[in-house]
Amino acid sequence: MKEALLILLEKKEYEFITIKEICEKAGVNRSTFYLHYESIDDLLDETIKNTNKKFQNVFDNKTINPKTLPKEDLFFIKEDELIPYLNFVKENKR
């Protein structure tokens, strides 16, 4: 259903998306939707949380503590930090 919502968001404004459209696009019944969500807002909230979690996972093994870095490194984005970010944006551009 998250994927269905993202597909629909590419075509129309959020305010005009219906539960019926999400269910049709996802190939599920409305009862399945309501089993998992109370509203489209709940689905959107979960979709955003999942995307943010995926984004954070890209950097989990590259955690940087600014307190331990020299001052000059605090303003420079290194390639090993930028590449994962750009790859994530490319893969999740929707």
C-alpha atoms as a PDB file:
ATOM      1  CA  MET A   1       0.000   0.000   0.000  1.00  0.00           C
ATOM      2  CA  LYS A   2       2.965   2.288   0.610  1.00  0.00           C
ATOM      3  CA  GLU A   3       4.139   1.727  -2.943  1.00  0.00           C
ATOM      4  CA  ALA A   4       0.628   2.363  -4.254  1.00  0.00           C
ATOM      5  CA  LEU A   5       0.509   5.650  -2.369  1.00  0.00           C
ATOM      6  CA  LEU A   6       3.857   6.728  -3.816  1.00  0.00           C
ATOM      7  CA  ILE A   7       2.704   5.878  -7.342  1.00  0.00           C
ATOM      8  CA  LEU A   8      -0.486   7.867  -6.869  1.00  0.00           C
ATOM      9  CA  LEU A   9       1.437  10.824  -5.439  1.00  0.00           C
ATOM     10  CA  GLU A  10       3.366  11.018  -8.705  1.00  0.00           C
ATOM     11  CA  LYS A  11       0.096  11.608 -10.533  1.00  0.00           C
ATOM     12  CA  LYS A  12      -2.057  13.698  -8.213  1.00  0.00           C
ATOM     13  CA  GLU A  13      -2.108  15.834  -5.097  1.00  0.00           C
ATOM     14  CA  TYR A  14      -2.308  14.055  -1.746  1.00  0.00           C
ATOM     15  CA  GLU A  15      -5.625  15.709  -0.856  1.00  0.00           C
ATOM     16  CA  PHE A  16      -7.300  14.078  -3.857  1.00  0.00           C
ATOM     17  CA  ILE A  17      -6.107  10.505  -3.301  1.00  0.00           C
ATOM     18  CA  THR A  18      -8.759   8.125  -2.013  1.00  0.00           C
ATOM     19  CA  ILE A  19      -8.555   4.894  -0.069  1.00  0.00           C
ATOM     20  CA  LYS A  20     -10.347   3.209  -2.952  1.00  0.00           C
ATOM     21  CA  GLU A  21      -7.578   4.268  -5.364  1.00  0.00           C
ATOM     22  CA  ILE A  22      -4.856   3.063  -3.013  1.00  0.00           C
ATOM     23  CA  CYS A  23      -6.566  -0.308  -2.609  1.00  0.00           C
ATOM     24  CA  GLU A  24      -7.074  -0.718  -6.360  1.00  0.00           C
ATOM     25  CA  LYS A  25      -3.448   0.177  -7.091  1.00  0.00           C
ATOM     26  CA  ALA A  26      -2.182  -2.149  -4.326  1.00  0.00           C
ATOM     27  CA  GLY A  27      -4.546  -4.972  -5.277  1.00  0.00           C
ATOM     28  CA  VAL A  28      -6.083  -5.248  -1.812  1.00  0.00           C
ATOM     29  CA  ASN A  29      -9.557  -4.884  -0.342  1.00  0.00           C
ATOM     30  CA  ARG A  30     -10.624  -1.855   1.672  1.00  0.00           C
ATOM     31  CA  SER A  31     -10.929  -4.142   4.692  1.00  0.00           C
ATOM     32  CA  THR A  32      -7.214  -4.929   4.359  1.00  0.00           C
ATOM     33  CA  PHE A  33      -6.452  -1.215   4.316  1.00  0.00           C
ATOM     34  CA  TYR A  34      -8.486  -0.656   7.476  1.00  0.00           C
ATOM     35  CA  LEU A  35      -6.867  -3.662   9.133  1.00  0.00           C
ATOM     36  CA  HIS A  36      -3.552  -1.781   8.974  1.00  0.00           C
ATOM     37  CA  TYR A  37      -4.512   1.901   8.910  1.00  0.00           C
ATOM     38  CA  GLU A  38      -7.282   4.139  10.150  1.00  0.00           C
ATOM     39  CA  SER A  39      -6.747   6.759   7.446  1.00  0.00           C
ATOM     40  CA  ILE A  40      -4.580   7.758   4.518  1.00  0.00           C
ATOM     41  CA  ASP A  41      -2.728  10.027   6.930  1.00  0.00           C
ATOM     42  CA  ASP A  42      -1.650   6.945   8.897  1.00  0.00           C
ATOM     43  CA  LEU A  43      -0.387   5.314   5.705  1.00  0.00           C
ATOM     44  CA  LEU A  44       1.487   8.478   4.752  1.00  0.00           C
ATOM     45  CA  ASP A  45       3.010   8.734   8.228  1.00  0.00           C
ATOM     46  CA  GLU A  46       4.250   5.134   8.076  1.00  0.00           C
ATOM     47  CA  THR A  47       5.589   5.657   4.556  1.00  0.00           C
ATOM     48  CA  ILE A  48       7.561   8.709   5.680  1.00  0.00           C
ATOM     49  CA  LYS A  49       8.893   6.891   8.766  1.00  0.00           C
ATOM     50  CA  ASN A  50      10.007   3.917   6.659  1.00  0.00           C
ATOM     51  CA  THR A  51      11.749   6.174   4.154  1.00  0.00           C
ATOM     52  CA  ASN A  52      13.511   8.072   6.942  1.00  0.00           C
ATOM     53  CA  LYS A  53      14.569   4.783   8.540  1.00  0.00           C
ATOM     54  CA  LYS A  54      15.978   3.529   5.220  1.00  0.00           C
ATOM     55  CA  PHE A  55      17.831   6.817   4.854  1.00  0.00           C
ATOM     56  CA  GLN A  56      19.282   6.599   8.355  1.00  0.00           C
ATOM     57  CA  ASN A  57      20.383   2.995   7.738  1.00  0.00           C
ATOM     58  CA  VAL A  58      22.553   4.212   4.869  1.00  0.00           C
ATOM     59  CA  PHE A  59      24.624   6.149   7.380  1.00  0.00           C
ATOM     60  CA  ASP A  60      24.456   3.936  10.469  1.00  0.00           C
ATOM     61  CA  ASN A  61      27.891   2.478   9.909  1.00  0.00           C
ATOM     62  CA  LYS A  62      29.321   5.918   9.118  1.00  0.00           C
ATOM     63  CA  THR A  63      28.263   7.721  12.277  1.00  0.00           C
ATOM     64  CA  ILE A  64      30.380  10.799  12.777  1.00  0.00           C
ATOM     65  CA  ASN A  65      30.844  12.478  16.120  1.00  0.00           C
ATOM     66  CA  PRO A  66      31.421  16.201  15.407  1.00  0.00           C
ATOM     67  CA  LYS A  67      33.055  16.651  18.805  1.00  0.00           C
ATOM     68  CA  THR A  68      35.954  14.395  17.805  1.00  0.00           C
ATOM     69  CA  LEU A  69      36.605  15.964  14.397  1.00  0.00           C
ATOM     70  CA  PRO A  70      38.982  18.816  13.721  1.00  0.00           C
ATOM     71  CA  LYS A  71      37.198  22.100  13.058  1.00  0.00           C
ATOM     72  CA  GLU A  72      38.164  22.147   9.356  1.00  0.00           C
ATOM     73  CA  ASP A  73      36.473  18.768   8.797  1.00  0.00           C
ATOM     74  CA  LEU A  74      33.135  19.977  10.134  1.00  0.00           C
ATOM     75  CA  PHE A  75      32.444  21.989   7.001  1.00  0.00           C
ATOM     76  CA  PHE A  76      33.665  19.576   4.380  1.00  0.00           C
ATOM     77  CA  ILE A  77      31.493  16.852   2.940  1.00  0.00           C
ATOM     78  CA  LYS A  78      33.644  13.903   2.082  1.00  0.00           C
ATOM     79  CA  GLU A  79      32.985  11.587  -0.834  1.00  0.00           C
ATOM     80  CA  ASP A  80      32.305   8.580   1.405  1.00  0.00           C
ATOM     81  CA  GLU A  81      29.525  10.617   3.058  1.00  0.00           C
ATOM     82  CA  LEU A  82      28.128  12.238  -0.073  1.00  0.00           C
ATOM     83  CA  ILE A  83      27.967   9.158  -2.318  1.00  0.00           C
ATOM     84  CA  PRO A  84      25.602   7.154  -0.059  1.00  0.00           C
ATOM     85  CA  TYR A  85      23.384  10.219   0.310  1.00  0.00           C
ATOM     86  CA  LEU A  86      23.200  10.801  -3.443  1.00  0.00           C
ATOM     87  CA  ASN A  87      22.598   7.105  -4.116  1.00  0.00           C
ATOM     88  CA  PHE A  88      19.734   7.077  -1.630  1.00  0.00           C
ATOM     89  CA  VAL A  89      18.156  10.144  -3.223  1.00  0.00           C
ATOM     90  CA  LYS A  90      18.503   8.591  -6.686  1.00  0.00           C
ATOM     91  CA  GLU A  91      16.998   5.263  -5.609  1.00  0.00           C
ATOM     92  CA  ASN A  92      14.162   6.905  -3.644  1.00  0.00           C
ATOM     93  CA  LYS A  93      13.476   9.971  -5.755  1.00  0.00           C
ATOM     94  CA  ARG A  94       9.738   9.501  -5.417  1.00  0.00           C
END
